[in-house]
Each structure stands twice: as C-alpha cells, then as structure tokens.
Amino acid sequence: MLGLAASILAPTARHTLAVVVTLNVVVIAPIFALFFLLALSYGQLRELRYLPLYFPFQMARRLAKFESTLSLPTRPSPFLRRRGRVPGPQPADLVKV
C-alpha cells in the first residue's frame, strides 16, 4: 500500500507502481489459481464471483484488528508497582476530609 501511494503521489517514484503491480500479480495469481481449482473440484464455481472482494475484505479486517489493538487502554503492571516504579495510592489520598 505504501508503494502504491508513493507511486501515485511522488512523481519521482513512478517505477514503483510497476513493481507493486508486478509483485501483486506474482503473489496473488497462484492463490487465485488454487481457489479456482478447488472451486472446480468441489463444485462451487458460483462462489467465485465473491473472490475479488476477498482480498480487500481481508486487508480491511487486518487493519481493523491492528487499530483496535493500538487503541486498547493500558493497565498498570503489578510487577512494576511492586518495584516502586508506578506510584500507588498515597496515604494523603486516602484520608477523608
């Protein structure tokens, strides 16, 4: 994706678009061939119409998982609290006024 964006946005990186397309064809073509052969052998040729949507769906799903992992709140580690690196509640905080 970064190579594709660079090839579109940067005029000095036009050759990158050819590299990105070539690599995608080299990597994805055998996968499509395998899907086609398996669909043919199992009699599921009508399901091949959804195949072009499979790879963008997988990329979107991976991106959503990655973003959700980054947005998880962090919890203080009990190990660090025992070693005194994370400040715990102070006695002055516990006193009721």
PDB file of N, CA and C in Angstrom:
ATOM      1  N   MET A   1       0.822  -1.191   0.000  1.00  0.00           N
ATOM      2  CA  MET A   1       0.000   0.000   0.000  1.00  0.00           C
ATOM      3  C   MET A   1       0.865   1.255   0.000  1.00  0.00           C
ATOM      4  N   LEU A   2       1.955   1.222   0.765  1.00  0.00           N
ATOM      5  CA  LEU A   2       2.826   2.382   0.811  1.00  0.00           C
ATOM      6  C   LEU A   2       3.486   2.616  -0.546  1.00  0.00           C
ATOM      7  N   GLY A   3       3.894   1.530  -1.201  1.00  0.00           N
ATOM      8  CA  GLY A   3       4.490   1.663  -2.528  1.00  0.00           C
ATOM      9  C   GLY A   3       3.510   2.222  -3.537  1.00  0.00           C
ATOM     10  N   LEU A   4       2.273   1.792  -3.448  1.00  0.00           N
ATOM     11  CA  LEU A   4       1.236   2.299  -4.358  1.00  0.00           C
ATOM     12  C   LEU A   4       0.979   3.785  -4.115  1.00  0.00           C
ATOM     13  N   ALA A   5       0.891   4.162  -2.859  1.00  0.00           N
ATOM     14  CA  ALA A   5       0.673   5.573  -2.536  1.00  0.00           C
ATOM     15  C   ALA A   5       1.858   6.430  -2.981  1.00  0.00           C
ATOM     16  N   ALA A   6       3.067   5.925  -2.786  1.00  0.00           N
ATOM     17  CA  ALA A   6       4.249   6.686  -3.193  1.00  0.00           C
ATOM     18  C   ALA A   6       4.311   6.839  -4.704  1.00  0.00           C
ATOM     19  N   SER A   7       3.900   5.795  -5.419  1.00  0.00           N
ATOM     20  CA  SER A   7       3.965   5.876  -6.881  1.00  0.00           C
ATOM     21  C   SER A   7       2.931   6.839  -7.443  1.00  0.00           C
ATOM     22  N   ILE A   8       1.827   7.015  -6.750  1.00  0.00           N
ATOM     23  CA  ILE A   8       0.794   7.940  -7.228  1.00  0.00           C
ATOM     24  C   ILE A   8       1.124   9.374  -6.828  1.00  0.00           C
ATOM     25  N   LEU A   9       1.601   9.550  -5.594  1.00  0.00           N
ATOM     26  CA  LEU A   9       1.795  10.902  -5.075  1.00  0.00           C
ATOM     27  C   LEU A   9       3.145  11.509  -5.433  1.00  0.00           C
ATOM     28  N   ALA A  10       4.186  10.712  -5.556  1.00  0.00           N
ATOM     29  CA  ALA A  10       5.519  11.246  -5.828  1.00  0.00           C
ATOM     30  C   ALA A  10       5.882  11.023  -7.285  1.00  0.00           C
ATOM     31  N   PRO A  11       6.110  12.070  -8.028  1.00  0.00           N
ATOM     32  CA  PRO A  11       6.433  11.887  -9.454  1.00  0.00           C
ATOM     33  C   PRO A  11       7.776  11.204  -9.682  1.00  0.00           C
ATOM     34  N   THR A  12       8.648  11.219  -8.692  1.00  0.00           N
ATOM     35  CA  THR A  12       9.955  10.573  -8.866  1.00  0.00           C
ATOM     36  C   THR A  12       9.891   9.073  -8.635  1.00  0.00           C
ATOM     37  N   ALA A  13       8.792   8.581  -8.145  1.00  0.00           N
ATOM     38  CA  ALA A  13       8.677   7.153  -7.826  1.00  0.00           C
ATOM     39  C   ALA A  13       7.692   6.458  -8.747  1.00  0.00           C
ATOM     40  N   ARG A  14       7.609   6.839 -10.000  1.00  0.00           N
ATOM     41  CA  ARG A  14       6.655   6.243 -10.940  1.00  0.00           C
ATOM     42  C   ARG A  14       6.966   4.774 -11.212  1.00  0.00           C
ATOM     43  N   HIS A  15       8.234   4.396 -11.151  1.00  0.00           N
ATOM     44  CA  HIS A  15       8.577   2.997 -11.407  1.00  0.00           C
ATOM     45  C   HIS A  15       8.053   2.083 -10.303  1.00  0.00           C
ATOM     46  N   THR A  16       7.734   2.645  -9.137  1.00  0.00           N
ATOM     47  CA  THR A  16       7.246   1.842  -8.022  1.00  0.00           C
ATOM     48  C   THR A  16       5.888   1.231  -8.341  1.00  0.00           C
ATOM     49  N   LEU A  17       5.058   1.922  -9.104  1.00  0.00           N
ATOM     50  CA  LEU A  17       3.755   1.385  -9.464  1.00  0.00           C
ATOM     51  C   LEU A  17       3.900   0.084 -10.246  1.00  0.00           C
ATOM     52  N   ALA A  18       4.837   0.037 -11.167  1.00  0.00           N
ATOM     53  CA  ALA A  18       5.069  -1.198 -11.925  1.00  0.00           C
ATOM     54  C   ALA A  18       5.545  -2.320 -11.016  1.00  0.00           C
ATOM     55  N   VAL A  19       6.390  -1.997 -10.061  1.00  0.00           N
ATOM     56  CA  VAL A  19       6.883  -3.017  -9.116  1.00  0.00           C
ATOM     57  C   VAL A  19       5.740  -3.538  -8.256  1.00  0.00           C
ATOM     58  N   VAL A  20       4.894  -2.641  -7.763  1.00  0.00           N
ATOM     59  CA  VAL A  20       3.770  -3.049  -6.916  1.00  0.00           C
ATOM     60  C   VAL A  20       2.809  -3.940  -7.695  1.00  0.00           C
ATOM     61  N   VAL A  21       2.479  -3.545  -8.904  1.00  0.00           N
ATOM     62  CA  VAL A  21       1.558  -4.346  -9.715  1.00  0.00           C
ATOM     63  C   VAL A  21       2.170  -5.700 -10.040  1.00  0.00           C
ATOM     64  N   THR A  22       3.450  -5.731 -10.401  1.00  0.00           N
ATOM     65  CA  THR A  22       4.121  -6.994 -10.721  1.00  0.00           C
ATOM     66  C   THR A  22       4.145  -7.925  -9.517  1.00  0.00           C
ATOM     67  N   LEU A  23       4.499  -7.401  -8.357  1.00  0.00           N
ATOM     68  CA  LEU A  23       4.536  -8.244  -7.163  1.00  0.00           C
ATOM     69  C   LEU A  23       3.151  -8.770  -6.795  1.00  0.00           C
ATOM     70  N   ASN A  24       2.134  -7.924  -6.939  1.00  0.00           N
ATOM     71  CA  ASN A  24       0.780  -8.389  -6.640  1.00  0.00           C
ATOM     72  C   ASN A  24       0.345  -9.484  -7.597  1.00  0.00           C
ATOM     73  N   VAL A  25       0.679  -9.340  -8.869  1.00  0.00           N
ATOM     74  CA  VAL A  25       0.303 -10.374  -9.842  1.00  0.00           C
ATOM     75  C   VAL A  25       1.052 -11.672  -9.543  1.00  0.00           C
ATOM     76  N   VAL A  26       2.336 -11.570  -9.230  1.00  0.00           N
ATOM     77  CA  VAL A  26       3.136 -12.763  -8.965  1.00  0.00           C
ATOM     78  C   VAL A  26       2.657 -13.478  -7.703  1.00  0.00           C
ATOM     79  N   VAL A  27       2.265 -12.716  -6.701  1.00  0.00           N
ATOM     80  CA  VAL A  27       1.848 -13.330  -5.433  1.00  0.00           C
ATOM     81  C   VAL A  27       0.395 -13.791  -5.476  1.00  0.00           C
ATOM     82  N   ILE A  28      -0.490 -12.998  -6.044  1.00  0.00           N
ATOM     83  CA  ILE A  28      -1.920 -13.293  -5.970  1.00  0.00           C
ATOM     84  C   ILE A  28      -2.378 -14.262  -7.058  1.00  0.00           C
ATOM     85  N   ALA A  29      -1.721 -14.285  -8.194  1.00  0.00           N
ATOM     86  CA  ALA A  29      -2.152 -15.173  -9.287  1.00  0.00           C
ATOM     87  C   ALA A  29      -2.153 -16.649  -8.890  1.00  0.00           C
ATOM     88  N   PRO A  30      -1.126 -17.171  -8.219  1.00  0.00           N
ATOM     89  CA  PRO A  30      -1.209 -18.575  -7.792  1.00  0.00           C
ATOM     90  C   PRO A  30      -2.336 -18.843  -6.789  1.00  0.00           C
ATOM     91  N   ILE A  31      -2.629 -17.861  -5.959  1.00  0.00           N
ATOM     92  CA  ILE A  31      -3.717 -18.034  -4.988  1.00  0.00           C
ATOM     93  C   ILE A  31      -5.056 -18.109  -5.715  1.00  0.00           C
ATOM     94  N   PHE A  32      -5.255 -17.217  -6.699  1.00  0.00           N
ATOM     95  CA  PHE A  32      -6.485 -17.277  -7.491  1.00  0.00           C
ATOM     96  C   PHE A  32      -6.593 -18.599  -8.242  1.00  0.00           C
ATOM     97  N   ALA A  33      -5.484 -19.091  -8.780  1.00  0.00           N
ATOM     98  CA  ALA A  33      -5.498 -20.368  -9.491  1.00  0.00           C
ATOM     99  C   ALA A  33      -5.878 -21.499  -8.545  1.00  0.00           C
ATOM    100  N   LEU A  34      -5.341 -21.478  -7.337  1.00  0.00           N
ATOM    101  CA  LEU A  34      -5.684 -22.506  -6.349  1.00  0.00           C
ATOM    102  C   LEU A  34      -7.160 -22.429  -5.973  1.00  0.00           C
ATOM    103  N   PHE A  35      -7.673 -21.213  -5.764  1.00  0.00           N
ATOM    104  CA  PHE A  35      -9.101 -21.067  -5.464  1.00  0.00           C
ATOM    105  C   PHE A  35      -9.961 -21.615  -6.594  1.00  0.00           C
ATOM    106  N   PHE A  36      -9.573 -21.310  -7.825  1.00  0.00           N
ATOM    107  CA  PHE A  36     -10.339 -21.775  -8.975  1.00  0.00           C
ATOM    108  C   PHE A  36     -10.326 -23.300  -9.056  1.00  0.00           C
ATOM    109  N   LEU A  37      -9.155 -23.909  -8.869  1.00  0.00           N
ATOM    110  CA  LEU A  37      -9.068 -25.373  -8.937  1.00  0.00           C
ATOM    111  C   LEU A  37      -9.870 -26.035  -7.815  1.00  0.00           C
ATOM    112  N   LEU A  38      -9.795 -25.472  -6.627  1.00  0.00           N
ATOM    113  CA  LEU A  38     -10.566 -26.043  -5.513  1.00  0.00           C
ATOM    114  C   LEU A  38     -12.068 -25.857  -5.726  1.00  0.00           C
ATOM    115  N   ALA A  39     -12.480 -24.706  -6.237  1.00  0.00           N
ATOM    116  CA  ALA A  39     -13.904 -24.486  -6.516  1.00  0.00           C
ATOM    117  C   ALA A  39     -14.388 -25.423  -7.606  1.00  0.00           C
ATOM    118  N   LEU A  40     -13.553 -25.657  -8.590  1.00  0.00           N
ATOM    119  CA  LEU A  40     -13.913 -26.573  -9.670  1.00  0.00           C
ATOM    120  C   LEU A  40     -14.041 -28.000  -9.149  1.00  0.00           C
ATOM    121  N   SER A  41     -13.112 -28.411  -8.310  1.00  0.00           N
ATOM    122  CA  SER A  41     -13.145 -29.790  -7.814  1.00  0.00           C
ATOM    123  C   SER A  41     -14.293 -30.031  -6.829  1.00  0.00           C
ATOM    124  N   TYR A  42     -14.697 -28.983  -6.077  1.00  0.00           N
ATOM    125  CA  TYR A  42     -15.787 -29.156  -5.111  1.00  0.00           C
ATOM    126  C   TYR A  42     -17.129 -28.682  -5.644  1.00  0.00           C
ATOM    127  N   GLY A  43     -17.194 -28.254  -6.891  1.00  0.00           N
ATOM    128  CA  GLY A  43     -18.465 -27.837  -7.483  1.00  0.00           C
ATOM    129  C   GLY A  43     -18.991 -26.527  -6.945  1.00  0.00           C
ATOM    130  N   GLN A  44     -18.120 -25.615  -6.594  1.00  0.00           N
ATOM    131  CA  GLN A  44     -18.530 -24.328  -6.023  1.00  0.00           C
ATOM    132  C   GLN A  44     -18.152 -23.164  -6.938  1.00  0.00           C
ATOM    133  N   LEU A  45     -18.297 -23.334  -8.234  1.00  0.00           N
ATOM    134  CA  LEU A  45     -17.887 -22.292  -9.171  1.00  0.00           C
ATOM    135  C   LEU A  45     -18.711 -21.013  -9.024  1.00  0.00           C
ATOM    136  N   ARG A  46     -19.950 -21.131  -8.563  1.00  0.00           N
ATOM    137  CA  ARG A  46     -20.774 -19.931  -8.424  1.00  0.00           C
ATOM    138  C   ARG A  46     -20.268 -19.028  -7.298  1.00  0.00           C
ATOM    139  N   GLU A  47     -19.463 -19.561  -6.399  1.00  0.00           N
ATOM    140  CA  GLU A  47     -18.922 -18.750  -5.302  1.00  0.00           C
ATOM    141  C   GLU A  47     -17.723 -17.919  -5.732  1.00  0.00           C
ATOM    142  N   LEU A  48     -17.187 -18.158  -6.920  1.00  0.00           N
ATOM    143  CA  LEU A  48     -16.026 -17.409  -7.383  1.00  0.00           C
ATOM    144  C   LEU A  48     -16.349 -15.945  -7.660  1.00  0.00           C
ATOM    145  N   ARG A  49     -17.617 -15.597  -7.766  1.00  0.00           N
ATOM    146  CA  ARG A  49     -17.958 -14.193  -8.004  1.00  0.00           C
ATOM    147  C   ARG A  49     -17.602 -13.321  -6.808  1.00  0.00           C
ATOM    148  N   TYR A  50     -17.443 -13.926  -5.630  1.00  0.00           N
ATOM    149  CA  TYR A  50     -17.071 -13.166  -4.437  1.00  0.00           C
ATOM    150  C   TYR A  50     -15.563 -13.074  -4.256  1.00  0.00           C
ATOM    151  N   LEU A  51     -14.804 -13.740  -5.085  1.00  0.00           N
ATOM    152  CA  LEU A  51     -13.358 -13.784  -4.932  1.00  0.00           C
ATOM    153  C   LEU A  51     -12.685 -12.414  -5.039  1.00  0.00           C
ATOM    154  N   PRO A  52     -13.075 -11.520  -5.946  1.00  0.00           N
ATOM    155  CA  PRO A  52     -12.419 -10.205  -5.970  1.00  0.00           C
ATOM    156  C   PRO A  52     -12.631  -9.395  -4.692  1.00  0.00           C
ATOM    157  N   LEU A  53     -13.658  -9.690  -3.939  1.00  0.00           N
ATOM    158  CA  LEU A  53     -13.912  -8.965  -2.689  1.00  0.00           C
ATOM    159  C   LEU A  53     -13.154  -9.555  -1.507  1.00  0.00           C
ATOM    160  N   TYR A  54     -12.594 -10.752  -1.671  1.00  0.00           N
ATOM    161  CA  TYR A  54     -11.973 -11.445  -0.547  1.00  0.00           C
ATOM    162  C   TYR A  54     -10.717 -10.732  -0.055  1.00  0.00           C
ATOM    163  N   PHE A  55      -9.821 -10.349  -0.961  1.00  0.00           N
ATOM    164  CA  PHE A  55      -8.566  -9.743  -0.527  1.00  0.00           C
ATOM    165  C   PHE A  55      -8.753  -8.349   0.070  1.00  0.00           C
ATOM    166  N   PRO A  56      -9.578  -7.480  -0.507  1.00  0.00           N
ATOM    167  CA  PRO A  56      -9.822  -6.200   0.197  1.00  0.00           C
ATOM    168  C   PRO A  56     -10.493  -6.397   1.556  1.00  0.00           C
ATOM    169  N   PHE A  57     -11.376  -7.389   1.659  1.00  0.00           N
ATOM    170  CA  PHE A  57     -12.005  -7.678   2.947  1.00  0.00           C
ATOM    171  C   PHE A  57     -10.969  -8.113   3.969  1.00  0.00           C
ATOM    172  N   GLN A  58     -10.044  -8.992   3.558  1.00  0.00           N
ATOM    173  CA  GLN A  58      -9.004  -9.452   4.480  1.00  0.00           C
ATOM    174  C   GLN A  58      -8.114  -8.293   4.930  1.00  0.00           C
ATOM    175  N   MET A  59      -7.762  -7.411   3.995  1.00  0.00           N
ATOM    176  CA  MET A  59      -6.921  -6.274   4.359  1.00  0.00           C
ATOM    177  C   MET A  59      -7.652  -5.338   5.315  1.00  0.00           C
ATOM    178  N   ALA A  60      -8.931  -5.089   5.062  1.00  0.00           N
ATOM    179  CA  ALA A  60      -9.705  -4.218   5.949  1.00  0.00           C
ATOM    180  C   ALA A  60      -9.853  -4.849   7.331  1.00  0.00           C
ATOM    181  N   ARG A  61     -10.044  -6.164   7.365  1.00  0.00           N
ATOM    182  CA  ARG A  61     -10.176  -6.849   8.655  1.00  0.00           C
ATOM    183  C   ARG A  61      -8.874  -6.783   9.448  1.00  0.00           C
ATOM    184  N   ARG A  62      -7.745  -6.980   8.777  1.00  0.00           N
ATOM    185  CA  ARG A  62      -6.449  -6.890   9.471  1.00  0.00           C
ATOM    186  C   ARG A  62      -6.195  -5.479   9.968  1.00  0.00           C
ATOM    187  N   LEU A  63      -6.549  -4.492   9.167  1.00  0.00           N
ATOM    188  CA  LEU A  63      -6.364  -3.105   9.592  1.00  0.00           C
ATOM    189  C   LEU A  63      -7.239  -2.786  10.802  1.00  0.00           C
ATOM    190  N   ALA A  64      -8.462  -3.269  10.807  1.00  0.00           N
ATOM    191  CA  ALA A  64      -9.355  -3.024  11.950  1.00  0.00           C
ATOM    192  C   ALA A  64      -8.822  -3.700  13.209  1.00  0.00           C
ATOM    193  N   LYS A  65      -8.305  -4.908  13.068  1.00  0.00           N
ATOM    194  CA  LYS A  65      -7.721  -5.588  14.237  1.00  0.00           C
ATOM    195  C   LYS A  65      -6.519  -4.829  14.766  1.00  0.00           C
ATOM    196  N   PHE A  66      -5.671  -4.361  13.859  1.00  0.00           N
ATOM    197  CA  PHE A  66      -4.481  -3.631  14.264  1.00  0.00           C
ATOM    198  C   PHE A  66      -4.856  -2.331  14.968  1.00  0.00           C
ATOM    199  N   GLU A  67      -5.800  -1.588  14.399  1.00  0.00           N
ATOM    200  CA  GLU A  67      -6.222  -0.328  15.008  1.00  0.00           C
ATOM    201  C   GLU A  67      -6.881  -0.557  16.362  1.00  0.00           C
ATOM    202  N   SER A  68      -7.672  -1.613  16.484  1.00  0.00           N
ATOM    203  CA  SER A  68      -8.318  -1.869  17.772  1.00  0.00           C
ATOM    204  C   SER A  68      -7.303  -2.294  18.819  1.00  0.00           C
ATOM    205  N   THR A  69      -6.255  -2.984  18.403  1.00  0.00           N
ATOM    206  CA  THR A  69      -5.204  -3.362  19.347  1.00  0.00           C
ATOM    207  C   THR A  69      -4.451  -2.130  19.833  1.00  0.00           C
ATOM    208  N   LEU A  70      -4.202  -1.188  18.941  1.00  0.00           N
ATOM    209  CA  LEU A  70      -3.494   0.021  19.344  1.00  0.00           C
ATOM    210  C   LEU A  70      -4.316   0.907  20.269  1.00  0.00           C
ATOM    211  N   SER A  71      -5.630   0.826  20.184  1.00  0.00           N
ATOM    212  CA  SER A  71      -6.461   1.706  20.991  1.00  0.00           C
ATOM    213  C   SER A  71      -6.869   1.084  22.333  1.00  0.00           C
ATOM    214  N   LEU A  72      -6.356  -0.099  22.652  1.00  0.00           N
ATOM    215  CA  LEU A  72      -6.683  -0.688  23.943  1.00  0.00           C
ATOM    216  C   LEU A  72      -6.074   0.131  25.071  1.00  0.00           C
ATOM    217  N   PRO A  73      -6.810   0.324  26.153  1.00  0.00           N
ATOM    218  CA  PRO A  73      -6.226   1.068  27.271  1.00  0.00           C
ATOM    219  C   PRO A  73      -5.164   0.216  27.966  1.00  0.00           C
ATOM    220  N   THR A  74      -4.125   0.854  28.424  1.00  0.00           N
ATOM    221  CA  THR A  74      -3.078   0.119  29.124  1.00  0.00           C
ATOM    222  C   THR A  74      -3.432   0.020  30.595  1.00  0.00           C
ATOM    223  N   ARG A  75      -3.020  -1.069  31.190  1.00  0.00           N
ATOM    224  CA  ARG A  75      -3.247  -1.264  32.617  1.00  0.00           C
ATOM    225  C   ARG A  75      -1.901  -1.240  33.317  1.00  0.00           C
ATOM    226  N   PRO A  76      -1.862  -0.728  34.530  1.00  0.00           N
ATOM    227  CA  PRO A  76      -0.592  -0.740  35.252  1.00  0.00           C
ATOM    228  C   PRO A  76      -0.176  -2.172  35.582  1.00  0.00           C
ATOM    229  N   SER A  77       1.087  -2.424  35.479  1.00  0.00           N
ATOM    230  CA  SER A  77       1.613  -3.761  35.725  1.00  0.00           C
ATOM    231  C   SER A  77       1.821  -3.972  37.220  1.00  0.00           C
ATOM    232  N   PRO A  78       1.344  -5.095  37.766  1.00  0.00           N
ATOM    233  CA  PRO A  78       1.597  -5.364  39.192  1.00  0.00           C
ATOM    234  C   PRO A  78       3.085  -5.521  39.480  1.00  0.00           C
ATOM    235  N   PHE A  79       3.852  -6.012  38.526  1.00  0.00           N
ATOM    236  CA  PHE A  79       5.292  -6.179  38.704  1.00  0.00           C
ATOM    237  C   PHE A  79       5.967  -4.826  38.905  1.00  0.00           C
ATOM    238  N   LEU A  80       5.584  -3.838  38.103  1.00  0.00           N
ATOM    239  CA  LEU A  80       6.182  -2.516  38.245  1.00  0.00           C
ATOM    240  C   LEU A  80       5.739  -1.836  39.527  1.00  0.00           C
ATOM    241  N   ARG A  81       4.514  -2.085  39.958  1.00  0.00           N
ATOM    242  CA  ARG A  81       4.031  -1.480  41.203  1.00  0.00           C
ATOM    243  C   ARG A  81       4.816  -2.027  42.392  1.00  0.00           C
ATOM    244  N   ARG A  82       5.145  -3.336  42.373  1.00  0.00           N
ATOM    245  CA  ARG A  82       5.905  -3.928  43.473  1.00  0.00           C
ATOM    246  C   ARG A  82       7.316  -3.360  43.541  1.00  0.00           C
ATOM    247  N   ARG A  83       7.878  -3.010  42.402  1.00  0.00           N
ATOM    248  CA  ARG A  83       9.245  -2.489  42.390  1.00  0.00           C
ATOM    249  C   ARG A  83       9.272  -0.996  42.657  1.00  0.00           C
ATOM    250  N   GLY A  84       8.117  -0.380  42.785  1.00  0.00           N
ATOM    251  CA  GLY A  84       8.059   1.021  43.147  1.00  0.00           C
ATOM    252  C   GLY A  84       8.143   1.976  41.970  1.00  0.00           C
ATOM    253  N   ARG A  85       7.970   1.491  40.764  1.00  0.00           N
ATOM    254  CA  ARG A  85       8.072   2.369  39.604  1.00  0.00           C
ATOM    255  C   ARG A  85       6.753   3.057  39.278  1.00  0.00           C
ATOM    256  N   VAL A  86       5.658   2.412  39.593  1.00  0.00           N
ATOM    257  CA  VAL A  86       4.345   3.009  39.339  1.00  0.00           C
ATOM    258  C   VAL A  86       3.806   3.489  40.671  1.00  0.00           C
ATOM    259  N   PRO A  87       3.504   4.777  40.801  1.00  0.00           N
ATOM    260  CA  PRO A  87       3.020   5.257  42.099  1.00  0.00           C
ATOM    261  C   PRO A  87       1.640   4.702  42.402  1.00  0.00           C
ATOM    262  N   GLY A  88       1.507   4.136  43.563  1.00  0.00           N
ATOM    263  CA  GLY A  88       0.212   3.651  44.026  1.00  0.00           C
ATOM    264  C   GLY A  88      -0.506   4.755  44.787  1.00  0.00           C
ATOM    265  N   PRO A  89      -1.618   4.414  45.414  1.00  0.00           N
ATOM    266  CA  PRO A  89      -2.326   5.435  46.201  1.00  0.00           C
ATOM    267  C   PRO A  89      -1.475   5.872  47.397  1.00  0.00           C
ATOM    268  N   GLN A  90      -1.399   7.181  47.611  1.00  0.00           N
ATOM    269  CA  GLN A  90      -0.619   7.720  48.703  1.00  0.00           C
ATOM    270  C   GLN A  90      -1.509   7.828  49.948  1.00  0.00           C
ATOM    271  N   PRO A  91      -0.899   7.784  51.121  1.00  0.00           N
ATOM    272  CA  PRO A  91      -1.713   7.899  52.347  1.00  0.00           C
ATOM    273  C   PRO A  91      -2.517   9.194  52.407  1.00  0.00           C
ATOM    274  N   ALA A  92      -1.988  10.267  51.854  1.00  0.00           N
ATOM    275  CA  ALA A  92      -2.724  11.540  51.887  1.00  0.00           C
ATOM    276  C   ALA A  92      -3.963  11.484  51.001  1.00  0.00           C
ATOM    277  N   ASP A  93      -3.947  10.636  49.969  1.00  0.00           N
ATOM    278  CA  ASP A  93      -5.103  10.488  49.099  1.00  0.00           C
ATOM    279  C   ASP A  93      -6.222   9.703  49.760  1.00  0.00           C
ATOM    280  N   LEU A  94      -5.879   8.884  50.749  1.00  0.00           N
ATOM    281  CA  LEU A  94      -6.856   8.020  51.375  1.00  0.00           C
ATOM    282  C   LEU A  94      -7.557   8.675  52.570  1.00  0.00           C
ATOM    283  N   VAL A  95      -7.063   9.803  53.041  1.00  0.00           N
ATOM    284  CA  VAL A  95      -7.627  10.475  54.192  1.00  0.00           C
ATOM    285  C   VAL A  95      -8.910  11.197  53.785  1.00  0.00           C
ATOM    286  N   LYS A  96      -9.997  10.950  54.535  1.00  0.00           N
ATOM    287  CA  LYS A  96     -11.256  11.624  54.255  1.00  0.00           C
ATOM    288  C   LYS A  96     -11.282  12.962  54.982  1.00  0.00           C
ATOM    289  N   VAL A  97     -11.813  13.943  54.323  1.00  0.00           N
ATOM    290  CA  VAL A  97     -11.876  15.284  54.914  1.00  0.00           C
ATOM    291  C   VAL A  97     -13.222  15.514  55.521  1.00  0.00           C
TER     292      VAL A  97
END
